[in-house]
């Protein structure tokens, strides 16, 4: 089962070597699930925005979380930051060849020195209160709708054009296995615009400072500490 989950979590990293066009295959339509903010067992949603600093072995990165467009996904990330889950975790997948793709990290098991690096990418966040892994549904917000959709991949061009958050360079999004509703703690940062991932993976923020640090990250580098810098209701302009 672990091997299967690893193979599925490796979807992002493996397909890029087979050619970027495989990533743009049409996604199957799925019925939306009755989950989201307030659902039992999920993280508290983020209202407004939050600014997070990642102190890494390569330098500092600042991330802005967008609770207006992705309240559940951003709230999950913020909750894990507050719990200290990301402190000491590794960037276990860095894909720059044949073209820049993603820097991925956040596997909680990568903190454990007894876990070999070859096993990184298998782990989820396990809630100590329940002893169960937390998974959150795919969350996508269209500009024409007042609330996000959950558990539904989007493929229609008319819908993709309305996504409030897309895979631009510096986009912060959740990694997952084959199931759209299997995101937990692992995240990735897009190294270039990746429209082939739009509608299939949940973007919930972006890098607002330190993208040059992201460009320097190598596989095996670590997050020393993740901290909340600021949280507020009013949107703030990204730093140049």
C-alpha atoms as a PDB file:
ATOM      1  CA  UNK A   1       0.000   0.000   0.000  1.00  0.00           C
ATOM      2  CA  UNK A   2       2.847   2.392   0.835  1.00  0.00           C
ATOM      3  CA  UNK A   3       4.512   1.674  -2.480  1.00  0.00           C
ATOM      4  CA  UNK A   4       1.254   2.348  -4.307  1.00  0.00           C
ATOM      5  CA  UNK A   5       0.769   5.656  -2.461  1.00  0.00           C
ATOM      6  CA  UNK A   6       4.364   6.641  -3.236  1.00  0.00           C
ATOM      7  CA  UNK A   7       3.894   5.935  -6.906  1.00  0.00           C
ATOM      8  CA  UNK A   8       0.731   8.002  -6.970  1.00  0.00           C
ATOM      9  CA  UNK A   9       2.296  10.867  -5.017  1.00  0.00           C
ATOM     10  CA  UNK A  10       5.136  10.766  -7.512  1.00  0.00           C
ATOM     11  CA  UNK A  11       2.679  11.555 -10.316  1.00  0.00           C
ATOM     12  CA  UNK A  12       3.821  15.166 -10.591  1.00  0.00           C
ATOM     13  CA  UNK A  13       7.480  14.307 -10.728  1.00  0.00           C
ATOM     14  CA  UNK A  14       7.300  11.258 -12.969  1.00  0.00           C
ATOM     15  CA  UNK A  15       5.024  12.477 -15.738  1.00  0.00           C
ATOM     16  CA  UNK A  16       7.166  15.449 -16.557  1.00  0.00           C
ATOM     17  CA  UNK A  17       9.872  13.100 -17.775  1.00  0.00           C
ATOM     18  CA  UNK A  18       7.399  11.431 -20.113  1.00  0.00           C
ATOM     19  CA  UNK A  19       6.488  14.754 -21.673  1.00  0.00           C
ATOM     20  CA  UNK A  20       4.417  17.696 -20.533  1.00  0.00           C
ATOM     21  CA  UNK A  21       1.515  16.816 -22.825  1.00  0.00           C
ATOM     22  CA  UNK A  22       0.597  13.851 -20.642  1.00  0.00           C
ATOM     23  CA  UNK A  23      -0.261  16.282 -17.879  1.00  0.00           C
ATOM     24  CA  UNK A  24      -2.873  17.997 -19.996  1.00  0.00           C
ATOM     25  CA  UNK A  25      -5.018  14.901 -20.552  1.00  0.00           C
ATOM     26  CA  UNK A  26      -8.700  15.559 -20.012  1.00  0.00           C
ATOM     27  CA  UNK A  27      -9.746  15.119 -16.394  1.00  0.00           C
ATOM     28  CA  UNK A  28     -12.759  12.991 -15.604  1.00  0.00           C
ATOM     29  CA  UNK A  29     -15.806  14.891 -14.384  1.00  0.00           C
ATOM     30  CA  UNK A  30     -16.704  14.089 -10.789  1.00  0.00           C
ATOM     31  CA  UNK A  31     -19.698  14.968  -8.655  1.00  0.00           C
ATOM     32  CA  UNK A  32     -18.943  17.686  -6.100  1.00  0.00           C
ATOM     33  CA  UNK A  33     -18.829  16.485  -2.515  1.00  0.00           C
ATOM     34  CA  UNK A  34     -20.698  18.055   0.383  1.00  0.00           C
ATOM     35  CA  UNK A  35     -17.482  19.045   2.135  1.00  0.00           C
ATOM     36  CA  UNK A  36     -15.673  22.280   2.741  1.00  0.00           C
ATOM     37  CA  UNK A  37     -15.413  24.886   5.468  1.00  0.00           C
ATOM     38  CA  UNK A  38     -16.900  23.588   8.684  1.00  0.00           C
ATOM     39  CA  UNK A  39     -16.867  19.913   7.678  1.00  0.00           C
ATOM     40  CA  UNK A  40     -15.979  17.541  10.493  1.00  0.00           C
ATOM     41  CA  UNK A  41     -12.370  16.430  10.687  1.00  0.00           C
ATOM     42  CA  UNK A  42     -11.003  19.164   8.424  1.00  0.00           C
ATOM     43  CA  UNK A  43      -8.768  22.102   9.256  1.00  0.00           C
ATOM     44  CA  UNK A  44     -10.246  25.512  10.122  1.00  0.00           C
ATOM     45  CA  UNK A  45     -10.690  27.705   7.063  1.00  0.00           C
ATOM     46  CA  UNK A  46      -8.660  30.863   6.520  1.00  0.00           C
ATOM     47  CA  UNK A  47     -10.604  34.091   6.166  1.00  0.00           C
ATOM     48  CA  UNK A  48      -8.694  36.775   4.280  1.00  0.00           C
ATOM     49  CA  UNK A  49      -4.982  36.316   3.735  1.00  0.00           C
ATOM     50  CA  UNK A  50      -1.925  35.200   5.687  1.00  0.00           C
ATOM     51  CA  UNK A  51       1.797  35.722   5.168  1.00  0.00           C
ATOM     52  CA  UNK A  52       4.104  32.803   5.937  1.00  0.00           C
ATOM     53  CA  UNK A  53       7.894  32.777   6.119  1.00  0.00           C
ATOM     54  CA  UNK A  54       9.831  29.605   5.335  1.00  0.00           C
ATOM     55  CA  UNK A  55      13.377  29.696   6.636  1.00  0.00           C
ATOM     56  CA  UNK A  56      15.223  27.160   4.515  1.00  0.00           C
ATOM     57  CA  UNK A  57      18.793  25.945   4.203  1.00  0.00           C
ATOM     58  CA  UNK A  58      19.024  28.146   1.073  1.00  0.00           C
ATOM     59  CA  UNK A  59      17.446  31.298   2.514  1.00  0.00           C
ATOM     60  CA  UNK A  60      14.074  32.820   3.330  1.00  0.00           C
ATOM     61  CA  UNK A  61      10.866  32.488   1.281  1.00  0.00           C
ATOM     62  CA  UNK A  62       7.654  34.403   1.943  1.00  0.00           C
ATOM     63  CA  UNK A  63       4.304  32.934   0.910  1.00  0.00           C
ATOM     64  CA  UNK A  64       0.939  34.667   0.763  1.00  0.00           C
ATOM     65  CA  UNK A  65      -2.017  32.360   1.421  1.00  0.00           C
ATOM     66  CA  UNK A  66      -5.305  33.291  -0.253  1.00  0.00           C
ATOM     67  CA  UNK A  67      -8.231  32.443   1.998  1.00  0.00           C
ATOM     68  CA  UNK A  68     -10.716  34.220  -0.270  1.00  0.00           C
ATOM     69  CA  UNK A  69     -10.129  31.813  -3.169  1.00  0.00           C
ATOM     70  CA  UNK A  70      -9.009  28.699  -1.259  1.00  0.00           C
ATOM     71  CA  UNK A  71     -10.187  28.985   2.373  1.00  0.00           C
ATOM     72  CA  UNK A  72      -9.956  25.289   3.256  1.00  0.00           C
ATOM     73  CA  UNK A  73      -6.648  24.556   1.533  1.00  0.00           C
ATOM     74  CA  UNK A  74      -5.013  27.738   2.838  1.00  0.00           C
ATOM     75  CA  UNK A  75      -6.447  27.088   6.302  1.00  0.00           C
ATOM     76  CA  UNK A  76      -5.017  23.573   6.307  1.00  0.00           C
ATOM     77  CA  UNK A  77      -1.552  24.888   5.419  1.00  0.00           C
ATOM     78  CA  UNK A  78      -1.743  27.614   8.073  1.00  0.00           C
ATOM     79  CA  UNK A  79      -2.848  25.084  10.698  1.00  0.00           C
ATOM     80  CA  UNK A  80       0.146  22.877   9.879  1.00  0.00           C
ATOM     81  CA  UNK A  81       2.482  25.878  10.097  1.00  0.00           C
ATOM     82  CA  UNK A  82       1.104  26.740  13.540  1.00  0.00           C
ATOM     83  CA  UNK A  83       1.544  23.137  14.663  1.00  0.00           C
ATOM     84  CA  UNK A  84       5.207  23.159  13.565  1.00  0.00           C
ATOM     85  CA  UNK A  85       4.614  20.281  11.147  1.00  0.00           C
ATOM     86  CA  UNK A  86       6.854  21.741   8.440  1.00  0.00           C
ATOM     87  CA  UNK A  87       9.830  22.483  10.683  1.00  0.00           C
ATOM     88  CA  UNK A  88      12.730  20.268   9.611  1.00  0.00           C
ATOM     89  CA  UNK A  89      10.968  18.738   6.602  1.00  0.00           C
ATOM     90  CA  UNK A  90      12.826  18.120   3.357  1.00  0.00           C
ATOM     91  CA  UNK A  91      12.285  19.284  -0.201  1.00  0.00           C
ATOM     92  CA  UNK A  92      12.163  15.751  -1.534  1.00  0.00           C
ATOM     93  CA  UNK A  93      11.327  16.379  -5.205  1.00  0.00           C
ATOM     94  CA  UNK A  94      12.940  19.081  -7.342  1.00  0.00           C
ATOM     95  CA  UNK A  95      12.262  18.845 -11.079  1.00  0.00           C
ATOM     96  CA  UNK A  96      14.063  21.277 -13.400  1.00  0.00           C
ATOM     97  CA  UNK A  97      14.868  19.030 -16.351  1.00  0.00           C
ATOM     98  CA  UNK A  98      14.009  18.775 -19.157  1.00  0.00           C
ATOM     99  CA  UNK A  99      12.138  22.006 -18.289  1.00  0.00           C
ATOM    100  CA  UNK A 100      11.553  23.825 -14.978  1.00  0.00           C
ATOM    101  CA  UNK A 101       8.609  22.189 -13.214  1.00  0.00           C
ATOM    102  CA  UNK A 102       8.190  22.143  -9.416  1.00  0.00           C
ATOM    103  CA  UNK A 103       9.918  22.183  -6.045  1.00  0.00           C
ATOM    104  CA  UNK A 104       7.976  19.864  -3.715  1.00  0.00           C
ATOM    105  CA  UNK A 105       8.238  19.331   0.042  1.00  0.00           C
ATOM    106  CA  UNK A 106       6.317  19.179   3.283  1.00  0.00           C
ATOM    107  CA  UNK A 107       6.268  15.420   3.933  1.00  0.00           C
ATOM    108  CA  UNK A 108       6.029  15.139   7.752  1.00  0.00           C
ATOM    109  CA  UNK A 109       7.857  11.807   7.754  1.00  0.00           C
ATOM    110  CA  UNK A 110      10.996  13.469   6.350  1.00  0.00           C
ATOM    111  CA  UNK A 111      11.680  14.920   9.822  1.00  0.00           C
ATOM    112  CA  UNK A 112      12.281  11.436  11.239  1.00  0.00           C
ATOM    113  CA  UNK A 113      16.004  10.581  10.939  1.00  0.00           C
ATOM    114  CA  UNK A 114      15.170   6.870  10.774  1.00  0.00           C
ATOM    115  CA  UNK A 115      13.161   7.329   7.562  1.00  0.00           C
ATOM    116  CA  UNK A 116      15.403   6.924   4.479  1.00  0.00           C
ATOM    117  CA  UNK A 117      15.351   9.678   1.873  1.00  0.00           C
ATOM    118  CA  UNK A 118      14.130   7.153  -0.684  1.00  0.00           C
ATOM    119  CA  UNK A 119      10.866   6.918   1.287  1.00  0.00           C
ATOM    120  CA  UNK A 120      10.165  10.666   1.336  1.00  0.00           C
ATOM    121  CA  UNK A 121       6.938  11.605  -0.385  1.00  0.00           C
ATOM    122  CA  UNK A 122       4.821   8.869   1.206  1.00  0.00           C
ATOM    123  CA  UNK A 123       3.687  10.743   4.292  1.00  0.00           C
ATOM    124  CA  UNK A 124       0.554  12.597   5.342  1.00  0.00           C
ATOM    125  CA  UNK A 125      -0.180  14.712   8.392  1.00  0.00           C
ATOM    126  CA  UNK A 126      -1.547  12.498  11.159  1.00  0.00           C
ATOM    127  CA  UNK A 127      -3.740  14.432  13.572  1.00  0.00           C
ATOM    128  CA  UNK A 128      -2.534  13.587  17.102  1.00  0.00           C
ATOM    129  CA  UNK A 129      -6.057  14.175  18.447  1.00  0.00           C
ATOM    130  CA  UNK A 130      -7.530  11.387  16.324  1.00  0.00           C
ATOM    131  CA  UNK A 131      -4.539   9.303  15.252  1.00  0.00           C
ATOM    132  CA  UNK A 132      -5.802   9.543  11.682  1.00  0.00           C
ATOM    133  CA  UNK A 133      -4.280  11.054   8.569  1.00  0.00           C
ATOM    134  CA  UNK A 134      -5.952  14.277   7.525  1.00  0.00           C
ATOM    135  CA  UNK A 135      -6.960  14.580   3.898  1.00  0.00           C
ATOM    136  CA  UNK A 136      -8.627  17.596   2.313  1.00  0.00           C
ATOM    137  CA  UNK A 137     -10.675  17.697  -0.891  1.00  0.00           C
ATOM    138  CA  UNK A 138      -9.632  19.369  -4.107  1.00  0.00           C
ATOM    139  CA  UNK A 139     -10.730  23.011  -3.813  1.00  0.00           C
ATOM    140  CA  UNK A 140     -11.176  25.201  -6.917  1.00  0.00           C
ATOM    141  CA  UNK A 141     -12.792  28.653  -7.023  1.00  0.00           C
ATOM    142  CA  UNK A 142     -14.263  30.157 -10.191  1.00  0.00           C
ATOM    143  CA  UNK A 143     -14.590  33.914 -10.520  1.00  0.00           C
ATOM    144  CA  UNK A 144     -18.246  33.513 -11.521  1.00  0.00           C
ATOM    145  CA  UNK A 145     -19.152  31.596  -8.338  1.00  0.00           C
ATOM    146  CA  UNK A 146     -19.377  32.770  -4.744  1.00  0.00           C
ATOM    147  CA  UNK A 147     -17.939  29.632  -3.116  1.00  0.00           C
ATOM    148  CA  UNK A 148     -15.304  27.083  -4.162  1.00  0.00           C
ATOM    149  CA  UNK A 149     -16.087  23.722  -5.687  1.00  0.00           C
ATOM    150  CA  UNK A 150     -14.905  20.644  -3.830  1.00  0.00           C
ATOM    151  CA  UNK A 151     -13.850  17.224  -5.077  1.00  0.00           C
ATOM    152  CA  UNK A 152     -14.333  18.136  -8.727  1.00  0.00           C
ATOM    153  CA  UNK A 153     -11.598  18.342 -11.344  1.00  0.00           C
ATOM    154  CA  UNK A 154     -12.178  20.861 -14.114  1.00  0.00           C
ATOM    155  CA  UNK A 155     -11.208  20.467 -17.755  1.00  0.00           C
ATOM    156  CA  UNK A 156     -13.506  22.715 -19.800  1.00  0.00           C
ATOM    157  CA  UNK A 157     -11.574  25.722 -21.188  1.00  0.00           C
ATOM    158  CA  UNK A 158     -14.428  28.040 -20.204  1.00  0.00           C
ATOM    159  CA  UNK A 159     -14.029  26.940 -16.573  1.00  0.00           C
ATOM    160  CA  UNK A 160     -10.250  26.997 -16.558  1.00  0.00           C
ATOM    161  CA  UNK A 161     -10.279  30.604 -17.748  1.00  0.00           C
ATOM    162  CA  UNK A 162     -12.350  31.496 -14.688  1.00  0.00           C
ATOM    163  CA  UNK A 163     -10.051  29.962 -12.080  1.00  0.00           C
ATOM    164  CA  UNK A 164      -9.208  32.584  -9.489  1.00  0.00           C
ATOM    165  CA  UNK A 165      -5.863  30.942  -8.760  1.00  0.00           C
ATOM    166  CA  UNK A 166      -3.810  29.373 -11.527  1.00  0.00           C
ATOM    167  CA  UNK A 167      -0.398  27.785 -11.904  1.00  0.00           C
ATOM    168  CA  UNK A 168       1.708  30.843 -12.621  1.00  0.00           C
ATOM    169  CA  UNK A 169       5.408  30.913 -11.762  1.00  0.00           C
ATOM    170  CA  UNK A 170       5.633  31.005  -7.973  1.00  0.00           C
ATOM    171  CA  UNK A 171       2.200  29.453  -7.419  1.00  0.00           C
ATOM    172  CA  UNK A 172       1.849  27.481  -4.173  1.00  0.00           C
ATOM    173  CA  UNK A 173      -0.296  24.348  -4.522  1.00  0.00           C
ATOM    174  CA  UNK A 174      -1.061  21.028  -2.829  1.00  0.00           C
ATOM    175  CA  UNK A 175       0.456  17.747  -3.952  1.00  0.00           C
ATOM    176  CA  UNK A 176      -1.787  14.701  -3.823  1.00  0.00           C
ATOM    177  CA  UNK A 177      -2.125  11.093  -4.951  1.00  0.00           C
ATOM    178  CA  UNK A 178      -4.434   9.953  -7.738  1.00  0.00           C
ATOM    179  CA  UNK A 179      -7.559  10.753  -5.737  1.00  0.00           C
ATOM    180  CA  UNK A 180      -8.533  14.449  -6.020  1.00  0.00           C
ATOM    181  CA  UNK A 181      -9.385  14.441  -2.308  1.00  0.00           C
ATOM    182  CA  UNK A 182      -6.081  13.086  -0.959  1.00  0.00           C
ATOM    183  CA  UNK A 183      -4.076  16.272  -0.304  1.00  0.00           C
ATOM    184  CA  UNK A 184      -2.699  16.449   3.232  1.00  0.00           C
ATOM    185  CA  UNK A 185       0.576  18.254   4.008  1.00  0.00           C
ATOM    186  CA  UNK A 186       2.801  18.021   0.939  1.00  0.00           C
ATOM    187  CA  UNK A 187       2.949  21.108  -1.258  1.00  0.00           C
ATOM    188  CA  UNK A 188       4.805  22.348  -4.313  1.00  0.00           C
ATOM    189  CA  UNK A 189       5.892  25.640  -5.844  1.00  0.00           C
ATOM    190  CA  UNK A 190       5.661  26.074  -9.617  1.00  0.00           C
ATOM    191  CA  UNK A 191       8.970  27.009 -11.243  1.00  0.00           C
ATOM    192  CA  UNK A 192       7.207  28.337 -14.330  1.00  0.00           C
ATOM    193  CA  UNK A 193       3.671  28.732 -15.616  1.00  0.00           C
ATOM    194  CA  UNK A 194       2.060  25.254 -15.637  1.00  0.00           C
ATOM    195  CA  UNK A 195      -1.410  25.603 -17.181  1.00  0.00           C
ATOM    196  CA  UNK A 196      -1.540  21.840 -17.724  1.00  0.00           C
ATOM    197  CA  UNK A 197      -2.054  21.458 -13.948  1.00  0.00           C
ATOM    198  CA  UNK A 198      -4.911  23.972 -13.721  1.00  0.00           C
ATOM    199  CA  UNK A 199      -8.198  22.410 -12.699  1.00  0.00           C
ATOM    200  CA  UNK A 200      -6.474  19.313 -11.349  1.00  0.00           C
ATOM    201  CA  UNK A 201      -4.453  20.570  -8.385  1.00  0.00           C
ATOM    202  CA  UNK A 202      -5.410  23.194  -5.802  1.00  0.00           C
ATOM    203  CA  UNK A 203      -3.442  26.445  -5.867  1.00  0.00           C
ATOM    204  CA  UNK A 204      -3.873  28.320  -2.579  1.00  0.00           C
ATOM    205  CA  UNK A 205      -1.226  31.045  -2.589  1.00  0.00           C
ATOM    206  CA  UNK A 206       2.005  32.201  -4.118  1.00  0.00           C
ATOM    207  CA  UNK A 207       5.591  33.228  -3.413  1.00  0.00           C
ATOM    208  CA  UNK A 208       5.713  36.996  -2.809  1.00  0.00           C
ATOM    209  CA  UNK A 209       9.364  37.241  -1.791  1.00  0.00           C
ATOM    210  CA  UNK A 210      12.338  34.935  -2.228  1.00  0.00           C
ATOM    211  CA  UNK A 211      11.607  33.274  -5.559  1.00  0.00           C
ATOM    212  CA  UNK A 212      15.340  33.428  -6.209  1.00  0.00           C
ATOM    213  CA  UNK A 213      15.738  31.186  -3.144  1.00  0.00           C
ATOM    214  CA  UNK A 214      13.215  28.721  -4.585  1.00  0.00           C
ATOM    215  CA  UNK A 215      15.274  28.656  -7.778  1.00  0.00           C
ATOM    216  CA  UNK A 216      18.333  27.610  -5.739  1.00  0.00           C
ATOM    217  CA  UNK A 217      16.681  24.810  -3.784  1.00  0.00           C
ATOM    218  CA  UNK A 218      18.102  21.348  -4.380  1.00  0.00           C
ATOM    219  CA  UNK A 219      16.618  17.975  -3.526  1.00  0.00           C
ATOM    220  CA  UNK A 220      17.416  17.255   0.123  1.00  0.00           C
ATOM    221  CA  UNK A 221      17.407  20.887   1.266  1.00  0.00           C
ATOM    222  CA  UNK A 222      15.177  21.541   4.267  1.00  0.00           C
ATOM    223  CA  UNK A 223      12.707  23.939   5.833  1.00  0.00           C
ATOM    224  CA  UNK A 224      14.325  24.992   9.100  1.00  0.00           C
ATOM    225  CA  UNK A 225      11.231  26.786  10.384  1.00  0.00           C
ATOM    226  CA  UNK A 226       7.844  27.910   9.070  1.00  0.00           C
ATOM    227  CA  UNK A 227       6.200  30.840  10.845  1.00  0.00           C
ATOM    228  CA  UNK A 228       3.123  33.040  10.497  1.00  0.00           C
ATOM    229  CA  UNK A 229       4.229  36.630   9.890  1.00  0.00           C
ATOM    230  CA  UNK A 230       0.893  38.333   9.432  1.00  0.00           C
ATOM    231  CA  UNK A 231      -2.786  37.505   9.099  1.00  0.00           C
ATOM    232  CA  UNK A 232      -5.508  39.934   8.085  1.00  0.00           C
ATOM    233  CA  UNK A 233      -8.753  40.395   6.247  1.00  0.00           C
ATOM    234  CA  UNK A 234      -7.593  43.029   3.794  1.00  0.00           C
ATOM    235  CA  UNK A 235      -5.688  41.897   0.666  1.00  0.00           C
ATOM    236  CA  UNK A 236      -2.148  43.166   0.389  1.00  0.00           C
ATOM    237  CA  UNK A 237      -0.195  43.863  -2.760  1.00  0.00           C
ATOM    238  CA  UNK A 238       2.536  41.321  -3.617  1.00  0.00           C
ATOM    239  CA  UNK A 239       6.110  42.436  -3.239  1.00  0.00           C
ATOM    240  CA  UNK A 240       8.002  43.041  -6.481  1.00  0.00           C
END
